[in-house]
Amino acid sequence: MNRLLVGALFGVALFRTALGILCYQCSSAHSMYCSDMLVADEASPFKPEPCDHVFEAEYCVKSTAMHGGIGAKRYCSSRDLGNYCNYVRNPGDQIEYRSCIFTCDTDGCNGASSLSGFRKLTLGVVMLGALAIVTRFARQH
């Protein structure tokens, strides 16, 4: 029984590795539909695609930059590039550019921006606190 379970888990791992990750792959320089607010719905012309062309692809990446608008590029990566934003000023420029990288590891995860786990938790705590205050106020009046 244990051998069967181990074999099944090994098979699933191999199957997942063989399939690879599916990521959105586009650039807002080529299509306005790839903007920072790409929405993963039925109307979108973009769908997550296999990352077979990237050796050992395990991650989806969304990079954004802002200068008079938001530009975005979505692609596959074999490396975890992290999650961060920088402000960059190129020589001769008078404007600072905001550049961000978001890396994730599930199919189609580099679509529209979503709240991180910490932000969801913080939002939940704030909403519960507000609900408690409103409830307490209502009871007093």
Protein backbone atom coordinates (compact mmCIF):
# COMPACT_ATOMS: atom_id res chain seq x y z
CA MET A 1 0.00 0.00 0.00
CA ASN A 2 2.81 2.42 0.91
CA ARG A 3 4.64 1.59 -2.34
CA LEU A 4 1.48 2.33 -4.30
CA LEU A 5 1.06 5.68 -2.55
CA VAL A 6 4.71 6.64 -3.09
CA GLY A 7 4.45 5.58 -6.74
CA ALA A 8 1.30 7.64 -7.23
CA LEU A 9 2.89 10.73 -5.66
CA PHE A 10 5.99 10.27 -7.81
CA GLY A 11 3.82 9.94 -10.90
CA VAL A 12 1.88 13.11 -10.05
CA ALA A 13 5.16 14.99 -9.51
CA LEU A 14 6.50 13.82 -12.87
CA PHE A 15 3.21 14.66 -14.59
CA ARG A 16 3.22 18.18 -13.12
CA THR A 17 6.85 18.66 -14.14
CA ALA A 18 6.09 17.46 -17.66
CA LEU A 19 3.13 19.83 -17.97
CA GLY A 20 5.00 22.84 -16.62
CA ILE A 21 3.50 26.11 -15.55
CA LEU A 22 1.04 28.20 -17.58
CA CYS A 23 1.63 31.96 -17.61
CA TYR A 24 0.23 35.02 -19.29
CA GLN A 25 2.79 36.02 -21.94
CA CYS A 26 2.41 39.46 -23.48
CA SER A 27 3.70 43.01 -23.54
CA SER A 28 1.68 46.22 -23.37
CA ALA A 29 4.14 47.61 -25.94
CA HIS A 30 2.49 45.27 -28.45
CA SER A 31 -1.08 45.16 -27.14
CA MET A 32 -3.06 47.51 -24.93
CA TYR A 33 -4.88 44.44 -23.62
CA CYS A 34 -1.71 43.46 -21.74
CA SER A 35 -1.84 46.55 -19.53
CA ASP A 36 -1.23 46.41 -15.80
CA MET A 37 -4.95 45.79 -15.26
CA LEU A 38 -5.21 42.68 -17.44
CA VAL A 39 -8.34 40.92 -16.28
CA ALA A 40 -8.47 37.14 -16.47
CA ASP A 41 -11.99 36.76 -17.81
CA GLU A 42 -13.64 35.19 -20.83
CA ALA A 43 -13.52 38.45 -22.83
CA SER A 44 -9.74 38.79 -22.56
CA PRO A 45 -7.79 37.89 -25.71
CA PHE A 46 -4.99 36.59 -23.50
CA LYS A 47 -5.05 33.23 -21.76
CA PRO A 48 -2.31 31.53 -19.74
CA GLU A 49 -0.04 29.60 -22.10
CA PRO A 50 2.51 26.80 -21.57
CA CYS A 51 6.05 27.92 -20.81
CA ASP A 52 7.66 25.08 -22.76
CA HIS A 53 10.03 27.50 -24.50
CA VAL A 54 11.71 28.43 -21.18
CA PHE A 55 14.00 25.73 -19.75
CA GLU A 56 12.82 24.63 -16.28
CA ALA A 57 10.19 27.37 -16.10
CA GLU A 58 8.61 27.34 -12.65
CA TYR A 59 7.51 30.95 -12.27
CA CYS A 60 5.28 33.52 -13.89
CA VAL A 61 6.45 37.13 -13.79
CA LYS A 62 4.73 40.46 -14.27
CA SER A 63 6.95 43.50 -14.60
CA THR A 64 5.51 47.00 -14.65
CA ALA A 65 6.91 50.46 -15.22
CA MET A 66 5.23 53.83 -14.96
CA HIS A 67 5.93 56.91 -17.04
CA GLY A 68 2.91 58.82 -18.20
CA GLY A 69 1.00 55.56 -17.98
CA ILE A 70 1.54 52.00 -16.92
CA GLY A 71 3.38 49.51 -19.08
CA ALA A 72 3.46 45.80 -18.33
CA LYS A 73 5.21 42.70 -19.53
CA ARG A 74 4.16 39.18 -18.53
CA TYR A 75 6.40 36.18 -19.07
CA CYS A 76 7.75 32.82 -17.86
CA SER A 77 10.91 32.40 -15.81
CA SER A 78 13.06 29.60 -14.43
CA ARG A 79 14.08 31.88 -11.54
CA ASP A 80 12.17 33.50 -8.69
CA LEU A 81 12.80 37.18 -9.38
CA GLY A 82 11.10 38.27 -6.15
CA ASN A 83 8.46 40.90 -5.49
CA TYR A 84 9.64 44.49 -5.25
CA CYS A 85 9.41 47.99 -6.69
CA ASN A 86 12.19 50.48 -7.44
CA TYR A 87 12.25 54.11 -8.42
CA VAL A 88 14.71 54.73 -11.22
CA ARG A 89 15.95 57.94 -12.79
CA ASN A 90 17.83 57.52 -16.04
CA PRO A 91 20.67 59.96 -16.85
CA GLY A 92 19.22 63.11 -18.40
CA ASP A 93 15.65 62.31 -17.32
CA GLN A 94 13.73 64.67 -15.08
CA ILE A 95 11.14 62.06 -14.17
CA GLU A 96 11.54 59.12 -11.82
CA TYR A 97 10.22 55.83 -13.14
CA ARG A 98 8.49 53.28 -10.93
CA SER A 99 9.45 49.77 -11.89
CA CYS A 100 8.00 46.66 -10.21
CA ILE A 101 8.54 42.92 -10.46
CA PHE A 102 5.98 40.39 -9.22
CA THR A 103 6.85 36.67 -9.27
CA CYS A 104 4.44 33.80 -8.57
CA ASP A 105 4.34 30.04 -9.04
CA THR A 106 0.80 28.97 -9.93
CA ASP A 107 -0.89 28.73 -13.33
CA GLY A 108 -2.07 32.11 -14.63
CA CYS A 109 -0.98 33.95 -11.49
CA ASN A 110 0.63 36.86 -13.38
CA GLY A 111 -2.70 38.29 -14.50
CA ALA A 112 -4.24 41.33 -12.80
CA SER A 113 -2.81 42.58 -9.56
CA SER A 114 -4.25 40.88 -6.55
CA LEU A 115 -3.97 41.36 -2.84
CA SER A 116 -1.18 39.44 -1.17
CA GLY A 117 -1.93 37.22 1.81
CA PHE A 118 -0.61 39.83 4.26
CA ARG A 119 -2.69 42.59 2.70
CA LYS A 120 -5.79 40.38 2.78
CA LEU A 121 -5.18 39.66 6.46
CA THR A 122 -4.65 43.35 7.23
CA LEU A 123 -7.79 44.30 5.31
CA GLY A 124 -9.76 41.62 7.18
CA VAL A 125 -8.56 42.87 10.58
CA VAL A 126 -9.39 46.48 9.67
CA MET A 127 -12.87 45.48 8.47
CA LEU A 128 -13.54 43.48 11.64
CA GLY A 129 -12.39 46.44 13.74
CA ALA A 130 -14.68 48.79 11.82
CA LEU A 131 -17.58 46.36 12.23
CA ALA A 132 -16.95 46.18 15.99
CA ILE A 133 -16.93 49.99 16.26
CA VAL A 134 -20.16 50.34 14.25
CA THR A 135 -21.86 47.61 16.29
CA ARG A 136 -20.79 49.21 19.58
CA PHE A 137 -21.97 52.63 18.39
CA ALA A 138 -25.34 51.21 17.30
CA ARG A 139 -25.89 49.57 20.70
CA GLN A 140 -25.21 52.84 22.52
CA HIS A 141 -27.77 54.77 20.48
